[in-house]
């Protein structure tokens, strides 16, 4: 009787599926995404229906003409654009500051047709044909506006962030005739906040520019 043992067939080893690495995942995703984009490009231009859908998603815009600091400016803006954003982002007039962006601090105060407004709350498209004066438009060349000079004389600022709005508001306050007393000035300037607490000196600067000091 043979003593040899039968040779058993070797079972081929099966390697477990490898877990994709982060590098492999990113590479695969990039390739698939590229194919998808390429497929979209190969598919040809958008159909008229698709073009209408894209146009419908775009925010509506309007053409607005304003006289800003004596210069006529015409721009096309999103209908939701505030006057403040028009001045700062489209006309590069960054003197008017974006503080609270809710009409509570007065840092964005400008004059529209001679009246004080919070430019952050005013839609630019509603001011077509209006005349806007910002802090940049007060000085005459190298000669400061009397209230700008008064702010320097009275040391009426510290950090300076609120100062453009304070000065423009003060100019409006003087034009409106609300400078009869310190109390009246404080009342009619109360919409402009100063976090540094320079209210007394601001009031004195308005008095000086109004000819009361």
Protein backbone atom coordinates (compact mmCIF):
# COMPACT_ATOMS: atom_id res chain seq x y z
CA UNK A 1 0.00 0.00 0.00
CA UNK A 2 1.34 3.36 -0.93
CA UNK A 3 2.13 5.68 1.98
CA UNK A 4 2.21 8.82 -0.13
CA UNK A 5 -0.41 11.42 0.78
CA UNK A 6 -2.42 12.95 -2.03
CA UNK A 7 -1.23 16.36 -3.02
CA UNK A 8 -3.86 18.96 -2.23
CA UNK A 9 -4.42 21.69 -4.78
CA UNK A 10 -3.35 25.10 -3.51
CA UNK A 11 -6.16 27.58 -3.12
CA UNK A 12 -5.22 30.82 -4.85
CA UNK A 13 -5.10 33.69 -2.40
CA UNK A 14 -7.64 36.46 -3.02
CA UNK A 15 -6.50 39.91 -2.00
CA UNK A 16 -9.20 41.98 -0.29
CA UNK A 17 -10.33 44.98 -2.31
CA UNK A 18 -8.10 47.91 -1.47
CA UNK A 19 -9.67 50.93 0.14
CA UNK A 20 -9.22 53.93 -2.14
CA UNK A 21 -6.80 56.48 -0.77
CA UNK A 22 -7.57 60.17 -0.58
CA UNK A 23 -5.19 60.79 -3.48
CA UNK A 24 -6.93 58.12 -5.61
CA UNK A 25 -10.37 59.52 -4.77
CA UNK A 26 -9.40 63.07 -5.73
CA UNK A 27 -7.75 61.92 -8.95
CA UNK A 28 -10.78 59.84 -9.93
CA UNK A 29 -13.21 62.62 -9.10
CA UNK A 30 -11.17 65.10 -11.14
CA UNK A 31 -11.12 62.80 -14.16
CA UNK A 32 -14.84 62.11 -13.98
CA UNK A 33 -15.61 65.80 -13.49
CA UNK A 34 -13.40 66.72 -16.43
CA UNK A 35 -15.19 64.21 -18.65
CA UNK A 36 -18.54 65.60 -17.57
CA UNK A 37 -17.46 69.15 -18.36
CA UNK A 38 -15.97 68.07 -21.66
CA UNK A 39 -19.18 66.26 -22.46
CA UNK A 40 -21.12 69.43 -21.79
CA UNK A 41 -18.79 71.37 -24.10
CA UNK A 42 -19.05 68.77 -26.82
CA UNK A 43 -22.81 68.85 -26.56
CA UNK A 44 -22.79 72.27 -28.23
CA UNK A 45 -24.18 75.69 -27.34
CA UNK A 46 -27.15 76.17 -25.07
CA UNK A 47 -30.55 75.81 -26.64
CA UNK A 48 -32.79 78.89 -26.69
CA UNK A 49 -34.80 77.42 -23.84
CA UNK A 50 -31.63 76.90 -21.77
CA UNK A 51 -30.44 80.42 -22.54
CA UNK A 52 -33.77 81.81 -21.33
CA UNK A 53 -33.44 79.78 -18.12
CA UNK A 54 -29.94 81.16 -17.48
CA UNK A 55 -31.12 84.70 -18.17
CA UNK A 56 -34.06 84.20 -15.81
CA UNK A 57 -31.67 83.24 -12.99
CA UNK A 58 -29.54 86.39 -13.43
CA UNK A 59 -30.53 89.23 -11.04
CA UNK A 60 -32.23 92.16 -12.77
CA UNK A 61 -30.11 95.25 -13.32
CA UNK A 62 -30.76 98.87 -14.20
CA UNK A 63 -28.85 101.81 -15.61
CA UNK A 64 -28.52 104.67 -13.13
CA UNK A 65 -27.26 108.19 -13.73
CA UNK A 66 -26.21 110.29 -10.74
CA UNK A 67 -24.30 113.49 -10.21
CA UNK A 68 -21.76 112.57 -7.57
CA UNK A 69 -19.65 115.39 -6.14
CA UNK A 70 -20.38 117.48 -9.22
CA UNK A 71 -19.53 114.76 -11.75
CA UNK A 72 -22.16 112.93 -13.79
CA UNK A 73 -21.75 109.17 -13.37
CA UNK A 74 -23.71 106.45 -15.20
CA UNK A 75 -23.46 102.80 -14.17
CA UNK A 76 -25.44 99.59 -14.55
CA UNK A 77 -26.07 97.88 -11.22
CA UNK A 78 -28.06 95.06 -9.69
CA UNK A 79 -31.42 96.47 -8.61
CA UNK A 80 -30.62 95.40 -5.04
CA UNK A 81 -27.46 97.52 -4.84
CA UNK A 82 -27.48 100.13 -2.11
CA UNK A 83 -26.22 103.64 -2.72
CA UNK A 84 -23.38 102.89 -0.29
CA UNK A 85 -22.23 99.86 -2.31
CA UNK A 86 -22.56 101.85 -5.53
CA UNK A 87 -20.28 104.55 -4.12
CA UNK A 88 -17.73 102.20 -2.58
CA UNK A 89 -17.62 99.30 -5.06
CA UNK A 90 -18.49 100.92 -8.39
CA UNK A 91 -17.23 104.49 -8.06
CA UNK A 92 -14.30 103.84 -5.67
CA UNK A 93 -15.51 106.51 -3.23
CA UNK A 94 -14.66 104.74 0.01
CA UNK A 95 -14.94 107.70 2.37
CA UNK A 96 -18.49 106.73 3.31
CA UNK A 97 -18.09 103.82 5.72
CA UNK A 98 -20.08 100.62 6.06
CA UNK A 99 -20.59 100.32 9.80
CA UNK A 100 -23.75 98.52 10.89
CA UNK A 101 -25.23 98.29 7.35
CA UNK A 102 -28.63 98.67 9.03
CA UNK A 103 -29.08 102.43 9.30
CA UNK A 104 -28.28 102.58 12.99
CA UNK A 105 -24.78 104.11 13.18
CA UNK A 106 -24.70 106.89 10.58
CA UNK A 107 -21.19 106.09 9.31
CA UNK A 108 -22.55 105.94 5.75
CA UNK A 109 -24.30 109.34 5.82
CA UNK A 110 -24.27 111.26 2.53
CA UNK A 111 -26.26 114.17 1.15
CA UNK A 112 -28.82 113.48 -1.58
CA UNK A 113 -30.20 116.67 -3.11
CA UNK A 114 -28.95 118.44 0.01
CA UNK A 115 -30.66 116.14 2.53
CA UNK A 116 -28.97 113.70 4.90
CA UNK A 117 -29.64 110.00 4.27
CA UNK A 118 -28.22 106.65 5.34
CA UNK A 119 -26.79 105.38 2.08
CA UNK A 120 -26.75 101.77 3.30
CA UNK A 121 -30.58 101.76 3.40
CA UNK A 122 -31.14 103.53 0.08
CA UNK A 123 -31.42 101.63 -3.21
CA UNK A 124 -29.28 103.21 -5.91
CA UNK A 125 -31.90 102.61 -8.62
CA UNK A 126 -34.32 104.91 -6.80
CA UNK A 127 -31.96 107.88 -7.14
CA UNK A 128 -31.70 108.20 -10.89
CA UNK A 129 -31.04 111.86 -11.67
CA UNK A 130 -30.24 112.78 -8.05
CA UNK A 131 -27.29 114.84 -6.83
CA UNK A 132 -25.13 113.08 -4.26
CA UNK A 133 -22.45 114.67 -2.08
CA UNK A 134 -20.03 112.48 -0.12
CA UNK A 135 -17.22 113.35 2.24
CA UNK A 136 -14.87 113.46 -0.79
CA UNK A 137 -16.92 116.28 -2.31
CA UNK A 138 -16.85 118.76 0.58
CA UNK A 139 -13.36 120.22 0.20
CA UNK A 140 -12.57 122.69 -2.58
CA UNK A 141 -9.23 121.50 -3.84
CA UNK A 142 -6.76 121.87 -0.97
CA UNK A 143 -9.16 124.06 1.02
CA UNK A 144 -11.09 122.05 3.58
CA UNK A 145 -14.77 122.58 4.25
CA UNK A 146 -15.23 124.74 7.38
CA UNK A 147 -16.61 121.74 9.29
CA UNK A 148 -13.66 119.57 8.29
CA UNK A 149 -11.34 122.26 9.61
CA UNK A 150 -13.44 122.57 12.77
CA UNK A 151 -13.09 118.84 13.43
CA UNK A 152 -9.32 119.31 13.32
CA UNK A 153 -9.40 122.43 15.46
CA UNK A 154 -11.63 120.82 18.11
CA UNK A 155 -9.86 117.43 17.97
CA UNK A 156 -13.30 115.90 17.37
CA UNK A 157 -12.22 112.38 16.44
CA UNK A 158 -10.13 109.48 17.63
CA UNK A 159 -10.27 106.32 15.51
CA UNK A 160 -11.88 108.30 12.67
CA UNK A 161 -14.18 105.56 11.39
CA UNK A 162 -17.37 107.52 12.08
CA UNK A 163 -15.85 110.87 11.13
CA UNK A 164 -16.92 111.02 7.43
CA UNK A 165 -20.54 110.37 8.39
CA UNK A 166 -20.32 112.77 11.33
CA UNK A 167 -18.99 115.59 9.13
CA UNK A 168 -21.51 115.06 6.32
CA UNK A 169 -24.31 114.86 8.88
CA UNK A 170 -23.00 118.03 10.54
CA UNK A 171 -23.03 119.85 7.19
CA UNK A 172 -26.65 118.82 6.75
CA UNK A 173 -27.47 119.85 10.31
CA UNK A 174 -26.05 123.34 9.69
CA UNK A 175 -27.92 123.71 6.38
CA UNK A 176 -31.15 122.67 8.08
CA UNK A 177 -30.67 125.36 10.72
CA UNK A 178 -30.55 123.01 13.69
CA UNK A 179 -27.65 124.71 15.47
CA UNK A 180 -29.47 127.05 17.83
CA UNK A 181 -28.00 125.48 20.97
CA UNK A 182 -25.71 122.62 22.03
CA UNK A 183 -28.80 120.64 22.98
CA UNK A 184 -30.34 121.13 19.54
CA UNK A 185 -27.13 120.09 17.82
CA UNK A 186 -26.89 116.95 19.93
CA UNK A 187 -30.52 116.10 19.17
CA UNK A 188 -30.18 116.51 15.41
CA UNK A 189 -26.82 114.70 15.33
CA UNK A 190 -28.05 111.80 17.46
CA UNK A 191 -28.29 109.47 14.46
CA UNK A 192 -24.50 109.39 14.19
CA UNK A 193 -22.75 107.19 16.74
CA UNK A 194 -19.17 107.64 17.94
CA UNK A 195 -17.79 104.59 19.72
CA UNK A 196 -14.85 106.65 20.97
CA UNK A 197 -17.18 109.06 22.77
CA UNK A 198 -16.15 112.36 21.15
CA UNK A 199 -19.65 113.80 21.27
CA UNK A 200 -18.78 116.98 23.18
CA UNK A 201 -16.00 117.87 20.74
CA UNK A 202 -18.18 116.99 17.74
CA UNK A 203 -20.86 119.34 19.03
CA UNK A 204 -18.24 122.08 19.48
CA UNK A 205 -16.98 121.53 15.93
CA UNK A 206 -20.50 121.93 14.53
CA UNK A 207 -20.91 125.10 16.61
CA UNK A 208 -17.64 126.49 15.23
CA UNK A 209 -18.58 125.76 11.60
CA UNK A 210 -22.02 127.27 12.16
CA UNK A 211 -20.41 130.49 13.39
CA UNK A 212 -21.55 130.11 16.98
CA UNK A 213 -18.00 129.87 18.36
